[in-house]
């Protein structure tokens, strides 16, 4: 399953286009002045990060508006902090690896008895 790199890119792209959570909510742990503004996010304030807006913003992925699993190829320099389906940093989802593995097992089980061919209009 670890060699199914394209399948993992496909799963990530699916999650990017159809996020499980529309936003991530975090509590600010110290005062933070937003660069270039006079606005300060004060300690204890709840901050809502709208994942869909970040994951589909132009500039974060090669073709942000299109469904392109190749967006996750290393040579396309995806913004690793723009993919938020499992969160980021020290508070990311502890079940991320298990979830990806489970999705791969499910897809392999479904596709095992089928032949997948590339359509004439596919790149």
PDB file of N, CA and C in Angstrom:
ATOM      1  N   UNK A   1       0.814  -1.208   0.000  1.00  0.00           N
ATOM      2  CA  UNK A   1       0.000   0.000   0.000  1.00  0.00           C
ATOM      3  C   UNK A   1       0.852   1.266   0.000  1.00  0.00           C
ATOM      4  N   UNK A   2       2.050   1.199   0.585  1.00  0.00           N
ATOM      5  CA  UNK A   2       2.895   2.396   0.641  1.00  0.00           C
ATOM      6  C   UNK A   2       3.411   2.793  -0.746  1.00  0.00           C
ATOM      7  N   UNK A   3       3.380   1.851  -1.707  1.00  0.00           N
ATOM      8  CA  UNK A   3       3.849   2.165  -3.065  1.00  0.00           C
ATOM      9  C   UNK A   3       2.750   2.792  -3.925  1.00  0.00           C
ATOM     10  N   UNK A   4       1.532   2.884  -3.415  1.00  0.00           N
ATOM     11  CA  UNK A   4       0.412   3.442  -4.183  1.00  0.00           C
ATOM     12  C   UNK A   4       0.401   4.964  -4.050  1.00  0.00           C
ATOM     13  N   UNK A   5       1.439   5.591  -4.578  1.00  0.00           N
ATOM     14  CA  UNK A   5       1.599   7.048  -4.450  1.00  0.00           C
ATOM     15  C   UNK A   5       0.496   7.808  -5.183  1.00  0.00           C
ATOM     16  N   UNK A   6       0.140   7.359  -6.381  1.00  0.00           N
ATOM     17  CA  UNK A   6      -0.902   8.075  -7.126  1.00  0.00           C
ATOM     18  C   UNK A   6      -2.244   7.966  -6.413  1.00  0.00           C
ATOM     19  N   UNK A   7      -2.515   6.807  -5.814  1.00  0.00           N
ATOM     20  CA  UNK A   7      -3.766   6.654  -5.081  1.00  0.00           C
ATOM     21  C   UNK A   7      -3.808   7.624  -3.899  1.00  0.00           C
ATOM     22  N   UNK A   8      -2.681   7.793  -3.222  1.00  0.00           N
ATOM     23  CA  UNK A   8      -2.633   8.747  -2.104  1.00  0.00           C
ATOM     24  C   UNK A   8      -2.834  10.177  -2.603  1.00  0.00           C
ATOM     25  N   UNK A   9      -2.249  10.507  -3.754  1.00  0.00           N
ATOM     26  CA  UNK A   9      -2.468  11.842  -4.328  1.00  0.00           C
ATOM     27  C   UNK A   9      -3.945  12.018  -4.684  1.00  0.00           C
ATOM     28  N   UNK A  10      -4.563  10.967  -5.212  1.00  0.00           N
ATOM     29  CA  UNK A  10      -5.988  11.001  -5.565  1.00  0.00           C
ATOM     30  C   UNK A  10      -6.844  11.230  -4.308  1.00  0.00           C
ATOM     31  N   UNK A  11      -6.520  10.522  -3.230  1.00  0.00           N
ATOM     32  CA  UNK A  11      -7.251  10.682  -1.971  1.00  0.00           C
ATOM     33  C   UNK A  11      -7.088  12.104  -1.444  1.00  0.00           C
ATOM     34  N   UNK A  12      -5.858  12.603  -1.445  1.00  0.00           N
ATOM     35  CA  UNK A  12      -5.609  13.964  -0.963  1.00  0.00           C
ATOM     36  C   UNK A  12      -6.354  14.999  -1.802  1.00  0.00           C
ATOM     37  N   UNK A  13      -6.357  14.807  -3.115  1.00  0.00           N
ATOM     38  CA  UNK A  13      -7.056  15.750  -3.992  1.00  0.00           C
ATOM     39  C   UNK A  13      -8.562  15.673  -3.755  1.00  0.00           C
ATOM     40  N   UNK A  14      -9.087  14.474  -3.504  1.00  0.00           N
ATOM     41  CA  UNK A  14     -10.505  14.324  -3.185  1.00  0.00           C
ATOM     42  C   UNK A  14     -10.849  15.063  -1.899  1.00  0.00           C
ATOM     43  N   UNK A  15      -9.991  14.920  -0.890  1.00  0.00           N
ATOM     44  CA  UNK A  15     -10.215  15.613   0.383  1.00  0.00           C
ATOM     45  C   UNK A  15     -10.057  17.128   0.238  1.00  0.00           C
ATOM     46  N   UNK A  16      -9.182  17.547  -0.654  1.00  0.00           N
ATOM     47  CA  UNK A  16      -8.987  18.986  -0.881  1.00  0.00           C
ATOM     48  C   UNK A  16     -10.237  19.595  -1.505  1.00  0.00           C
ATOM     49  N   UNK A  17     -10.862  18.879  -2.426  1.00  0.00           N
ATOM     50  CA  UNK A  17     -12.058  19.389  -3.106  1.00  0.00           C
ATOM     51  C   UNK A  17     -13.332  19.194  -2.289  1.00  0.00           C
ATOM     52  N   UNK A  18     -13.353  18.206  -1.434  1.00  0.00           N
ATOM     53  CA  UNK A  18     -14.533  17.929  -0.593  1.00  0.00           C
ATOM     54  C   UNK A  18     -14.068  17.766   0.849  1.00  0.00           C
ATOM     55  N   UNK A  19     -13.721  18.881   1.498  1.00  0.00           N
ATOM     56  CA  UNK A  19     -13.165  18.775   2.851  1.00  0.00           C
ATOM     57  C   UNK A  19     -14.159  18.179   3.847  1.00  0.00           C
ATOM     58  N   UNK A  20     -13.622  17.404   4.777  1.00  0.00           N
ATOM     59  CA  UNK A  20     -14.445  16.799   5.814  1.00  0.00           C
ATOM     60  C   UNK A  20     -14.953  17.859   6.784  1.00  0.00           C
ATOM     61  N   UNK A  21     -14.136  18.842   7.054  1.00  0.00           N
ATOM     62  CA  UNK A  21     -14.498  19.939   7.950  1.00  0.00           C
ATOM     63  C   UNK A  21     -14.377  21.257   7.202  1.00  0.00           C
ATOM     64  N   UNK A  22     -15.394  22.122   7.281  1.00  0.00           N
ATOM     65  CA  UNK A  22     -15.306  23.401   6.573  1.00  0.00           C
ATOM     66  C   UNK A  22     -14.326  24.372   7.229  1.00  0.00           C
ATOM     67  N   UNK A  23     -14.029  24.144   8.508  1.00  0.00           N
ATOM     68  CA  UNK A  23     -13.092  25.039   9.185  1.00  0.00           C
ATOM     69  C   UNK A  23     -12.423  24.318  10.347  1.00  0.00           C
ATOM     70  N   UNK A  24     -11.288  24.866  10.752  1.00  0.00           N
ATOM     71  CA  UNK A  24     -10.572  24.397  11.938  1.00  0.00           C
ATOM     72  C   UNK A  24     -10.628  25.524  12.955  1.00  0.00           C
ATOM     73  N   UNK A  25     -11.009  25.229  14.167  1.00  0.00           N
ATOM     74  CA  UNK A  25     -11.085  26.240  15.211  1.00  0.00           C
ATOM     75  C   UNK A  25      -9.947  26.031  16.200  1.00  0.00           C
ATOM     76  N   UNK A  26      -9.278  27.118  16.531  1.00  0.00           N
ATOM     77  CA  UNK A  26      -8.160  27.074  17.471  1.00  0.00           C
ATOM     78  C   UNK A  26      -8.272  28.240  18.439  1.00  0.00           C
ATOM     79  N   UNK A  27      -7.740  28.027  19.641  1.00  0.00           N
ATOM     80  CA  UNK A  27      -7.682  29.097  20.640  1.00  0.00           C
ATOM     81  C   UNK A  27      -6.284  29.693  20.608  1.00  0.00           C
ATOM     82  N   UNK A  28      -6.216  31.011  20.505  1.00  0.00           N
ATOM     83  CA  UNK A  28      -4.928  31.707  20.464  1.00  0.00           C
ATOM     84  C   UNK A  28      -4.255  31.577  21.830  1.00  0.00           C
ATOM     85  N   UNK A  29      -2.984  31.151  21.855  1.00  0.00           N
ATOM     86  CA  UNK A  29      -2.283  30.908  23.119  1.00  0.00           C
ATOM     87  C   UNK A  29      -1.443  32.095  23.587  1.00  0.00           C
ATOM     88  N   UNK A  30      -1.248  33.085  22.709  1.00  0.00           N
ATOM     89  CA  UNK A  30      -0.537  34.313  23.102  1.00  0.00           C
ATOM     90  C   UNK A  30      -0.949  35.422  22.145  1.00  0.00           C
ATOM     91  N   UNK A  31      -0.815  36.649  22.565  1.00  0.00           N
ATOM     92  CA  UNK A  31      -1.167  37.777  21.703  1.00  0.00           C
ATOM     93  C   UNK A  31      -0.339  37.712  20.419  1.00  0.00           C
ATOM     94  N   UNK A  32      -1.013  37.969  19.284  1.00  0.00           N
ATOM     95  CA  UNK A  32      -0.348  37.903  17.989  1.00  0.00           C
ATOM     96  C   UNK A  32      -0.806  39.075  17.136  1.00  0.00           C
ATOM     97  N   UNK A  33       0.152  39.918  16.728  1.00  0.00           N
ATOM     98  CA  UNK A  33      -0.157  41.047  15.847  1.00  0.00           C
ATOM     99  C   UNK A  33      -0.066  40.568  14.411  1.00  0.00           C
ATOM    100  N   UNK A  34      -1.164  40.720  13.670  1.00  0.00           N
ATOM    101  CA  UNK A  34      -1.199  40.293  12.277  1.00  0.00           C
ATOM    102  C   UNK A  34      -0.272  41.202  11.477  1.00  0.00           C
ATOM    103  N   UNK A  35       0.730  40.623  10.795  1.00  0.00           N
ATOM    104  CA  UNK A  35       1.699  41.447  10.053  1.00  0.00           C
ATOM    105  C   UNK A  35       1.012  42.368   9.041  1.00  0.00           C
ATOM    106  N   UNK A  36       1.493  43.598   8.970  1.00  0.00           N
ATOM    107  CA  UNK A  36       0.974  44.571   8.011  1.00  0.00           C
ATOM    108  C   UNK A  36      -0.318  45.238   8.441  1.00  0.00           C
ATOM    109  N   UNK A  37      -0.774  44.955   9.665  1.00  0.00           N
ATOM    110  CA  UNK A  37      -2.014  45.563  10.166  1.00  0.00           C
ATOM    111  C   UNK A  37      -1.808  46.012  11.608  1.00  0.00           C
ATOM    112  N   UNK A  38      -2.812  46.654  12.149  1.00  0.00           N
ATOM    113  CA  UNK A  38      -2.804  47.012  13.570  1.00  0.00           C
ATOM    114  C   UNK A  38      -3.649  46.048  14.388  1.00  0.00           C
ATOM    115  N   UNK A  39      -4.118  44.985  13.751  1.00  0.00           N
ATOM    116  CA  UNK A  39      -5.014  44.040  14.410  1.00  0.00           C
ATOM    117  C   UNK A  39      -4.221  43.049  15.252  1.00  0.00           C
ATOM    118  N   UNK A  40      -4.655  42.874  16.495  1.00  0.00           N
ATOM    119  CA  UNK A  40      -4.023  41.912  17.404  1.00  0.00           C
ATOM    120  C   UNK A  40      -5.037  40.824  17.753  1.00  0.00           C
ATOM    121  N   UNK A  41      -4.642  39.583  17.530  1.00  0.00           N
ATOM    122  CA  UNK A  41      -5.445  38.448  17.979  1.00  0.00           C
ATOM    123  C   UNK A  41      -5.006  38.203  19.417  1.00  0.00           C
ATOM    124  N   UNK A  42      -5.918  38.407  20.335  1.00  0.00           N
ATOM    125  CA  UNK A  42      -5.564  38.339  21.744  1.00  0.00           C
ATOM    126  C   UNK A  42      -5.599  36.918  22.278  1.00  0.00           C
ATOM    127  N   UNK A  43      -4.754  36.675  23.265  1.00  0.00           N
ATOM    128  CA  UNK A  43      -4.694  35.376  23.922  1.00  0.00           C
ATOM    129  C   UNK A  43      -6.095  34.997  24.400  1.00  0.00           C
ATOM    130  N   UNK A  44      -6.487  33.729  24.114  1.00  0.00           N
ATOM    131  CA  UNK A  44      -7.799  33.240  24.523  1.00  0.00           C
ATOM    132  C   UNK A  44      -8.870  33.401  23.458  1.00  0.00           C
ATOM    133  N   UNK A  45      -8.603  34.213  22.425  1.00  0.00           N
ATOM    134  CA  UNK A  45      -9.585  34.422  21.352  1.00  0.00           C
ATOM    135  C   UNK A  45      -9.645  33.172  20.473  1.00  0.00           C
ATOM    136  N   UNK A  46     -10.853  32.811  20.061  1.00  0.00           N
ATOM    137  CA  UNK A  46     -11.022  31.682  19.146  1.00  0.00           C
ATOM    138  C   UNK A  46     -10.795  32.166  17.711  1.00  0.00           C
ATOM    139  N   UNK A  47     -10.043  31.378  16.962  1.00  0.00           N
ATOM    140  CA  UNK A  47      -9.744  31.706  15.573  1.00  0.00           C
ATOM    141  C   UNK A  47     -10.297  30.571  14.709  1.00  0.00           C
ATOM    142  N   UNK A  48     -11.054  30.921  13.682  1.00  0.00           N
ATOM    143  CA  UNK A  48     -11.619  29.935  12.767  1.00  0.00           C
ATOM    144  C   UNK A  48     -10.871  30.017  11.438  1.00  0.00           C
ATOM    145  N   UNK A  49     -10.293  28.913  11.012  1.00  0.00           N
ATOM    146  CA  UNK A  49      -9.533  28.850   9.761  1.00  0.00           C
ATOM    147  C   UNK A  49     -10.405  28.139   8.731  1.00  0.00           C
ATOM    148  N   UNK A  50     -10.811  28.844   7.697  1.00  0.00           N
ATOM    149  CA  UNK A  50     -11.704  28.270   6.686  1.00  0.00           C
ATOM    150  C   UNK A  50     -10.865  27.479   5.678  1.00  0.00           C
ATOM    151  N   UNK A  51     -10.885  26.178   5.829  1.00  0.00           N
ATOM    152  CA  UNK A  51     -10.015  25.292   5.060  1.00  0.00           C
ATOM    153  C   UNK A  51     -10.312  25.314   3.568  1.00  0.00           C
ATOM    154  N   UNK A  52     -11.579  25.327   3.192  1.00  0.00           N
ATOM    155  CA  UNK A  52     -11.928  25.268   1.767  1.00  0.00           C
ATOM    156  C   UNK A  52     -11.374  26.471   1.015  1.00  0.00           C
ATOM    157  N   UNK A  53     -11.409  27.642   1.623  1.00  0.00           N
ATOM    158  CA  UNK A  53     -10.899  28.849   0.962  1.00  0.00           C
ATOM    159  C   UNK A  53      -9.394  28.755   0.733  1.00  0.00           C
ATOM    160  N   UNK A  54      -8.685  28.177   1.693  1.00  0.00           N
ATOM    161  CA  UNK A  54      -7.230  28.052   1.574  1.00  0.00           C
ATOM    162  C   UNK A  54      -6.863  26.946   0.585  1.00  0.00           C
ATOM    163  N   UNK A  55      -7.580  25.820   0.660  1.00  0.00           N
ATOM    164  CA  UNK A  55      -7.235  24.676  -0.181  1.00  0.00           C
ATOM    165  C   UNK A  55      -7.538  24.902  -1.658  1.00  0.00           C
ATOM    166  N   UNK A  56      -8.421  25.836  -1.979  1.00  0.00           N
ATOM    167  CA  UNK A  56      -8.752  26.086  -3.390  1.00  0.00           C
ATOM    168  C   UNK A  56      -8.254  27.446  -3.879  1.00  0.00           C
ATOM    169  N   UNK A  57      -7.462  28.137  -3.066  1.00  0.00           N
ATOM    170  CA  UNK A  57      -6.943  29.447  -3.468  1.00  0.00           C
ATOM    171  C   UNK A  57      -5.850  29.289  -4.521  1.00  0.00           C
ATOM    172  N   UNK A  58      -5.927  30.125  -5.557  1.00  0.00           N
ATOM    173  CA  UNK A  58      -4.893  30.115  -6.600  1.00  0.00           C
ATOM    174  C   UNK A  58      -3.529  30.394  -5.959  1.00  0.00           C
ATOM    175  N   UNK A  59      -2.510  29.734  -6.429  1.00  0.00           N
ATOM    176  CA  UNK A  59      -1.164  29.936  -5.906  1.00  0.00           C
ATOM    177  C   UNK A  59      -0.756  28.890  -4.880  1.00  0.00           C
ATOM    178  N   UNK A  60      -1.723  28.238  -4.260  1.00  0.00           N
ATOM    179  CA  UNK A  60      -1.381  27.198  -3.294  1.00  0.00           C
ATOM    180  C   UNK A  60      -1.157  25.843  -3.954  1.00  0.00           C
ATOM    181  N   UNK A  61      -1.787  25.643  -5.113  1.00  0.00           N
ATOM    182  CA  UNK A  61      -1.611  24.414  -5.876  1.00  0.00           C
ATOM    183  C   UNK A  61      -1.490  24.766  -7.348  1.00  0.00           C
ATOM    184  N   UNK A  62      -0.865  23.878  -8.112  1.00  0.00           N
ATOM    185  CA  UNK A  62      -0.620  24.101  -9.534  1.00  0.00           C
ATOM    186  C   UNK A  62      -1.904  24.507 -10.254  1.00  0.00           C
ATOM    187  N   UNK A  63      -2.945  23.727 -10.129  1.00  0.00           N
ATOM    188  CA  UNK A  63      -4.249  24.034 -10.715  1.00  0.00           C
ATOM    189  C   UNK A  63      -5.271  23.930  -9.601  1.00  0.00           C
ATOM    190  N   UNK A  64      -5.412  25.010  -8.840  1.00  0.00           N
ATOM    191  CA  UNK A  64      -6.220  24.984  -7.619  1.00  0.00           C
ATOM    192  C   UNK A  64      -7.694  24.689  -7.875  1.00  0.00           C
ATOM    193  N   UNK A  65      -8.247  25.132  -8.979  1.00  0.00           N
ATOM    194  CA  UNK A  65      -9.670  24.953  -9.237  1.00  0.00           C
ATOM    195  C   UNK A  65     -10.028  23.635  -9.884  1.00  0.00           C
ATOM    196  N   UNK A  66      -9.055  22.947 -10.438  1.00  0.00           N
ATOM    197  CA  UNK A  66      -9.319  21.690 -11.157  1.00  0.00           C
ATOM    198  C   UNK A  66      -9.009  20.495 -10.260  1.00  0.00           C
ATOM    199  N   UNK A  67      -9.651  19.365 -10.577  1.00  0.00           N
ATOM    200  CA  UNK A  67      -9.330  18.125  -9.866  1.00  0.00           C
ATOM    201  C   UNK A  67      -8.124  17.508 -10.560  1.00  0.00           C
ATOM    202  N   UNK A  68      -6.957  17.704  -9.986  1.00  0.00           N
ATOM    203  CA  UNK A  68      -5.700  17.207 -10.541  1.00  0.00           C
ATOM    204  C   UNK A  68      -4.883  16.559  -9.433  1.00  0.00           C
ATOM    205  N   UNK A  69      -4.914  15.229  -9.294  1.00  0.00           N
ATOM    206  CA  UNK A  69      -4.094  14.582  -8.264  1.00  0.00           C
ATOM    207  C   UNK A  69      -2.615  14.963  -8.376  1.00  0.00           C
ATOM    208  N   UNK A  70      -2.185  15.340  -9.582  1.00  0.00           N
ATOM    209  CA  UNK A  70      -0.798  15.737  -9.789  1.00  0.00           C
ATOM    210  C   UNK A  70      -0.441  17.004  -9.004  1.00  0.00           C
ATOM    211  N   UNK A  71      -1.456  17.712  -8.476  1.00  0.00           N
ATOM    212  CA  UNK A  71      -1.193  18.865  -7.606  1.00  0.00           C
ATOM    213  C   UNK A  71      -0.299  18.474  -6.433  1.00  0.00           C
ATOM    214  N   UNK A  72      -0.301  17.188  -6.061  1.00  0.00           N
ATOM    215  CA  UNK A  72       0.455  16.732  -4.900  1.00  0.00           C
ATOM    216  C   UNK A  72       1.813  16.142  -5.256  1.00  0.00           C
ATOM    217  N   UNK A  73       2.209  16.205  -6.530  1.00  0.00           N
ATOM    218  CA  UNK A  73       3.569  15.777  -6.902  1.00  0.00           C
ATOM    219  C   UNK A  73       4.575  16.766  -6.339  1.00  0.00           C
ATOM    220  N   UNK A  74       5.672  16.251  -5.819  1.00  0.00           N
ATOM    221  CA  UNK A  74       6.701  17.109  -5.218  1.00  0.00           C
ATOM    222  C   UNK A  74       7.231  18.136  -6.217  1.00  0.00           C
ATOM    223  N   UNK A  75       7.391  17.738  -7.488  1.00  0.00           N
ATOM    224  CA  UNK A  75       7.946  18.662  -8.479  1.00  0.00           C
ATOM    225  C   UNK A  75       6.998  19.825  -8.795  1.00  0.00           C
ATOM    226  N   UNK A  76       5.714  19.712  -8.407  1.00  0.00           N
ATOM    227  CA  UNK A  76       4.764  20.808  -8.613  1.00  0.00           C
ATOM    228  C   UNK A  76       4.717  21.758  -7.422  1.00  0.00           C
ATOM    229  N   UNK A  77       5.575  21.525  -6.445  1.00  0.00           N
ATOM    230  CA  UNK A  77       5.731  22.385  -5.267  1.00  0.00           C
ATOM    231  C   UNK A  77       4.408  22.765  -4.611  1.00  0.00           C
ATOM    232  N   UNK A  78       3.627  21.776  -4.175  1.00  0.00           N
ATOM    233  CA  UNK A  78       2.387  22.141  -3.487  1.00  0.00           C
ATOM    234  C   UNK A  78       2.703  22.830  -2.159  1.00  0.00           C
ATOM    235  N   UNK A  79       1.886  23.777  -1.783  1.00  0.00           N
ATOM    236  CA  UNK A  79       2.055  24.462  -0.502  1.00  0.00           C
ATOM    237  C   UNK A  79       1.612  23.493   0.583  1.00  0.00           C
ATOM    238  N   UNK A  80       2.569  22.928   1.310  1.00  0.00           N
ATOM    239  CA  UNK A  80       2.231  21.882   2.279  1.00  0.00           C
ATOM    240  C   UNK A  80       1.363  22.397   3.420  1.00  0.00           C
ATOM    241  N   UNK A  81       1.340  23.704   3.639  1.00  0.00           N
ATOM    242  CA  UNK A  81       0.494  24.260   4.690  1.00  0.00           C
ATOM    243  C   UNK A  81      -0.888  24.627   4.177  1.00  0.00           C
ATOM    244  N   UNK A  82      -1.145  24.443   2.876  1.00  0.00           N
ATOM    245  CA  UNK A  82      -2.456  24.756   2.301  1.00  0.00           C
ATOM    246  C   UNK A  82      -3.376  23.540   2.279  1.00  0.00           C
ATOM    247  N   UNK A  83      -2.844  22.359   2.538  1.00  0.00           N
ATOM    248  CA  UNK A  83      -3.667  21.150   2.593  1.00  0.00           C
ATOM    249  C   UNK A  83      -4.030  20.921   4.052  1.00  0.00           C
ATOM    250  N   UNK A  84      -5.279  21.211   4.406  1.00  0.00           N
ATOM    251  CA  UNK A  84      -5.682  21.234   5.810  1.00  0.00           C
ATOM    252  C   UNK A  84      -6.702  20.161   6.189  1.00  0.00           C
ATOM    253  N   UNK A  85      -6.885  19.158   5.364  1.00  0.00           N
ATOM    254  CA  UNK A  85      -7.901  18.151   5.653  1.00  0.00           C
ATOM    255  C   UNK A  85      -7.681  17.441   6.987  1.00  0.00           C
ATOM    256  N   UNK A  86      -6.447  17.337   7.416  1.00  0.00           N
ATOM    257  CA  UNK A  86      -6.145  16.716   8.701  1.00  0.00           C
ATOM    258  C   UNK A  86      -5.526  17.700   9.676  1.00  0.00           C
ATOM    259  N   UNK A  87      -5.631  18.990   9.372  1.00  0.00           N
ATOM    260  CA  UNK A  87      -5.017  20.003  10.212  1.00  0.00           C
ATOM    261  C   UNK A  87      -3.529  20.104   9.928  1.00  0.00           C
ATOM    262  N   UNK A  88      -2.847  20.922  10.701  1.00  0.00           N
ATOM    263  CA  UNK A  88      -1.401  21.112  10.549  1.00  0.00           C
ATOM    264  C   UNK A  88      -0.767  21.294  11.920  1.00  0.00           C
ATOM    265  N   UNK A  89       0.522  21.067  11.977  1.00  0.00           N
ATOM    266  CA  UNK A  89       1.278  21.349  13.195  1.00  0.00           C
ATOM    267  C   UNK A  89       1.012  20.374  14.324  1.00  0.00           C
ATOM    268  N   UNK A  90       1.290  20.824  15.549  1.00  0.00           N
ATOM    269  CA  UNK A  90       1.201  19.921  16.695  1.00  0.00           C
ATOM    270  C   UNK A  90      -0.219  19.461  17.032  1.00  0.00           C
ATOM    271  N   UNK A  91      -1.227  20.112  16.473  1.00  0.00           N
ATOM    272  CA  UNK A  91      -2.613  19.727  16.766  1.00  0.00           C
ATOM    273  C   UNK A  91      -3.286  19.044  15.570  1.00  0.00           C
ATOM    274  N   UNK A  92      -2.477  18.488  14.671  1.00  0.00           N
ATOM    275  CA  UNK A  92      -3.095  17.813  13.521  1.00  0.00           C
ATOM    276  C   UNK A  92      -3.739  16.498  13.968  1.00  0.00           C
ATOM    277  N   UNK A  93      -4.487  15.895  13.091  1.00  0.00           N
ATOM    278  CA  UNK A  93      -5.254  14.682  13.390  1.00  0.00           C
ATOM    279  C   UNK A  93      -4.315  13.513  13.698  1.00  0.00           C
ATOM    280  N   UNK A  94      -4.494  12.909  14.876  1.00  0.00           N
ATOM    281  CA  UNK A  94      -3.629  11.784  15.243  1.00  0.00           C
ATOM    282  C   UNK A  94      -3.963  10.535  14.440  1.00  0.00           C
ATOM    283  N   UNK A  95      -5.131  10.506  13.814  1.00  0.00           N
ATOM    284  CA  UNK A  95      -5.537   9.348  13.028  1.00  0.00           C
ATOM    285  C   UNK A  95      -5.298   9.499  11.540  1.00  0.00           C
ATOM    286  N   UNK A  96      -4.517  10.507  11.135  1.00  0.00           N
ATOM    287  CA  UNK A  96      -4.313  10.794   9.709  1.00  0.00           C
ATOM    288  C   UNK A  96      -3.751   9.578   8.958  1.00  0.00           C
ATOM    289  N   UNK A  97      -2.683   8.988   9.445  1.00  0.00           N
ATOM    290  CA  UNK A  97      -2.073   7.846   8.740  1.00  0.00           C
ATOM    291  C   UNK A  97      -3.032   6.670   8.665  1.00  0.00           C
ATOM    292  N   UNK A  98      -3.759   6.434   9.762  1.00  0.00           N
ATOM    293  CA  UNK A  98      -4.739   5.351   9.772  1.00  0.00           C
ATOM    294  C   UNK A  98      -5.859   5.626   8.769  1.00  0.00           C
ATOM    295  N   UNK A  99      -6.329   6.862   8.717  1.00  0.00           N
ATOM    296  CA  UNK A  99      -7.405   7.229   7.788  1.00  0.00           C
ATOM    297  C   UNK A  99      -6.968   7.028   6.340  1.00  0.00           C
ATOM    298  N   UNK A 100      -5.768   7.473   5.988  1.00  0.00           N
ATOM    299  CA  UNK A 100      -5.254   7.319   4.619  1.00  0.00           C
ATOM    300  C   UNK A 100      -5.112   5.822   4.297  1.00  0.00           C
ATOM    301  N   UNK A 101      -4.550   5.059   5.232  1.00  0.00           N
ATOM    302  CA  UNK A 101      -4.378   3.623   5.029  1.00  0.00           C
ATOM    303  C   UNK A 101      -5.733   2.941   4.834  1.00  0.00           C
ATOM    304  N   UNK A 102      -6.715   3.311   5.645  1.00  0.00           N
ATOM    305  CA  UNK A 102      -8.050   2.719   5.540  1.00  0.00           C
ATOM    306  C   UNK A 102      -8.686   3.045   4.196  1.00  0.00           C
ATOM    307  N   UNK A 103      -8.522   4.290   3.732  1.00  0.00           N
ATOM    308  CA  UNK A 103      -9.071   4.663   2.423  1.00  0.00           C
ATOM    309  C   UNK A 103      -8.394   3.883   1.303  1.00  0.00           C
ATOM    310  N   UNK A 104      -7.076   3.688   1.405  1.00  0.00           N
ATOM    311  CA  UNK A 104      -6.357   2.907   0.387  1.00  0.00           C
ATOM    312  C   UNK A 104      -6.848   1.465   0.364  1.00  0.00           C
ATOM    313  N   UNK A 105      -6.999   0.860   1.536  1.00  0.00           N
ATOM    314  CA  UNK A 105      -7.483  -0.526   1.615  1.00  0.00           C
ATOM    315  C   UNK A 105      -8.873  -0.626   1.009  1.00  0.00           C
ATOM    316  N   UNK A 106      -9.739   0.331   1.322  1.00  0.00           N
ATOM    317  CA  UNK A 106     -11.088   0.330   0.762  1.00  0.00           C
ATOM    318  C   UNK A 106     -11.088   0.462  -0.745  1.00  0.00           C
ATOM    319  N   UNK A 107     -10.281   1.373  -1.273  1.00  0.00           N
ATOM    320  CA  UNK A 107     -10.214   1.544  -2.731  1.00  0.00           C
ATOM    321  C   UNK A 107      -9.633   0.322  -3.419  1.00  0.00           C
ATOM    322  N   UNK A 108      -8.573  -0.249  -2.842  1.00  0.00           N
ATOM    323  CA  UNK A 108      -7.973  -1.448  -3.426  1.00  0.00           C
ATOM    324  C   UNK A 108      -8.989  -2.585  -3.427  1.00  0.00           C
ATOM    325  N   UNK A 109      -9.739  -2.742  -2.344  1.00  0.00           N
ATOM    326  CA  UNK A 109     -10.760  -3.799  -2.268  1.00  0.00           C
ATOM    327  C   UNK A 109     -11.840  -3.607  -3.322  1.00  0.00           C
ATOM    328  N   UNK A 110     -12.257  -2.351  -3.521  1.00  0.00           N
ATOM    329  CA  UNK A 110     -13.289  -2.063  -4.518  1.00  0.00           C
ATOM    330  C   UNK A 110     -12.791  -2.269  -5.937  1.00  0.00           C
ATOM    331  N   UNK A 111     -11.555  -1.844  -6.192  1.00  0.00           N
ATOM    332  CA  UNK A 111     -11.027  -1.872  -7.557  1.00  0.00           C
ATOM    333  C   UNK A 111     -10.413  -3.218  -7.944  1.00  0.00           C
ATOM    334  N   UNK A 112     -10.172  -4.078  -6.980  1.00  0.00           N
ATOM    335  CA  UNK A 112      -9.477  -5.340  -7.240  1.00  0.00           C
ATOM    336  C   UNK A 112     -10.147  -6.168  -8.334  1.00  0.00           C
ATOM    337  N   UNK A 113     -11.441  -6.197  -8.369  1.00  0.00           N
ATOM    338  CA  UNK A 113     -12.142  -7.016  -9.351  1.00  0.00           C
ATOM    339  C   UNK A 113     -12.508  -6.272 -10.617  1.00  0.00           C
ATOM    340  N   UNK A 114     -11.947  -5.092 -10.831  1.00  0.00           N
ATOM    341  CA  UNK A 114     -12.282  -4.281 -11.996  1.00  0.00           C
ATOM    342  C   UNK A 114     -11.030  -3.891 -12.772  1.00  0.00           C
ATOM    343  N   UNK A 115     -11.212  -3.602 -14.014  1.00  0.00           N
ATOM    344  CA  UNK A 115     -10.120  -3.095 -14.839  1.00  0.00           C
ATOM    345  C   UNK A 115     -10.380  -1.610 -15.062  1.00  0.00           C
ATOM    346  N   UNK A 116      -9.419  -0.780 -14.691  1.00  0.00           N
ATOM    347  CA  UNK A 116      -9.543   0.663 -14.860  1.00  0.00           C
ATOM    348  C   UNK A 116      -8.736   1.066 -16.081  1.00  0.00           C
ATOM    349  N   UNK A 117      -9.394   1.728 -17.024  1.00  0.00           N
ATOM    350  CA  UNK A 117      -8.695   2.178 -18.224  1.00  0.00           C
ATOM    351  C   UNK A 117      -8.816   3.688 -18.342  1.00  0.00           C
ATOM    352  N   UNK A 118      -7.858   4.249 -19.006  1.00  0.00           N
ATOM    353  CA  UNK A 118      -7.819   5.691 -19.232  1.00  0.00           C
ATOM    354  C   UNK A 118      -8.733   6.054 -20.385  1.00  0.00           C
ATOM    355  N   UNK A 119      -9.598   7.050 -20.171  1.00  0.00           N
ATOM    356  CA  UNK A 119     -10.495   7.505 -21.227  1.00  0.00           C
ATOM    357  C   UNK A 119      -9.747   8.277 -22.301  1.00  0.00           C
ATOM    358  N   UNK A 120     -10.314   8.335 -23.505  1.00  0.00           N
ATOM    359  CA  UNK A 120      -9.671   9.013 -24.624  1.00  0.00           C
ATOM    360  C   UNK A 120      -9.459  10.505 -24.382  1.00  0.00           C
ATOM    361  N   UNK A 121     -10.322  11.122 -23.578  1.00  0.00           N
ATOM    362  CA  UNK A 121     -10.212  12.559 -23.341  1.00  0.00           C
ATOM    363  C   UNK A 121      -9.420  12.893 -22.080  1.00  0.00           C
ATOM    364  N   UNK A 122      -8.773  11.897 -21.471  1.00  0.00           N
ATOM    365  CA  UNK A 122      -7.990  12.135 -20.244  1.00  0.00           C
ATOM    366  C   UNK A 122      -6.533  12.400 -20.600  1.00  0.00           C
ATOM    367  N   UNK A 123      -5.907  13.313 -19.842  1.00  0.00           N
ATOM    368  CA  UNK A 123      -4.478  13.606 -20.125  1.00  0.00           C
ATOM    369  C   UNK A 123      -3.576  12.443 -19.754  1.00  0.00           C
TER     370      UNK A 123
END
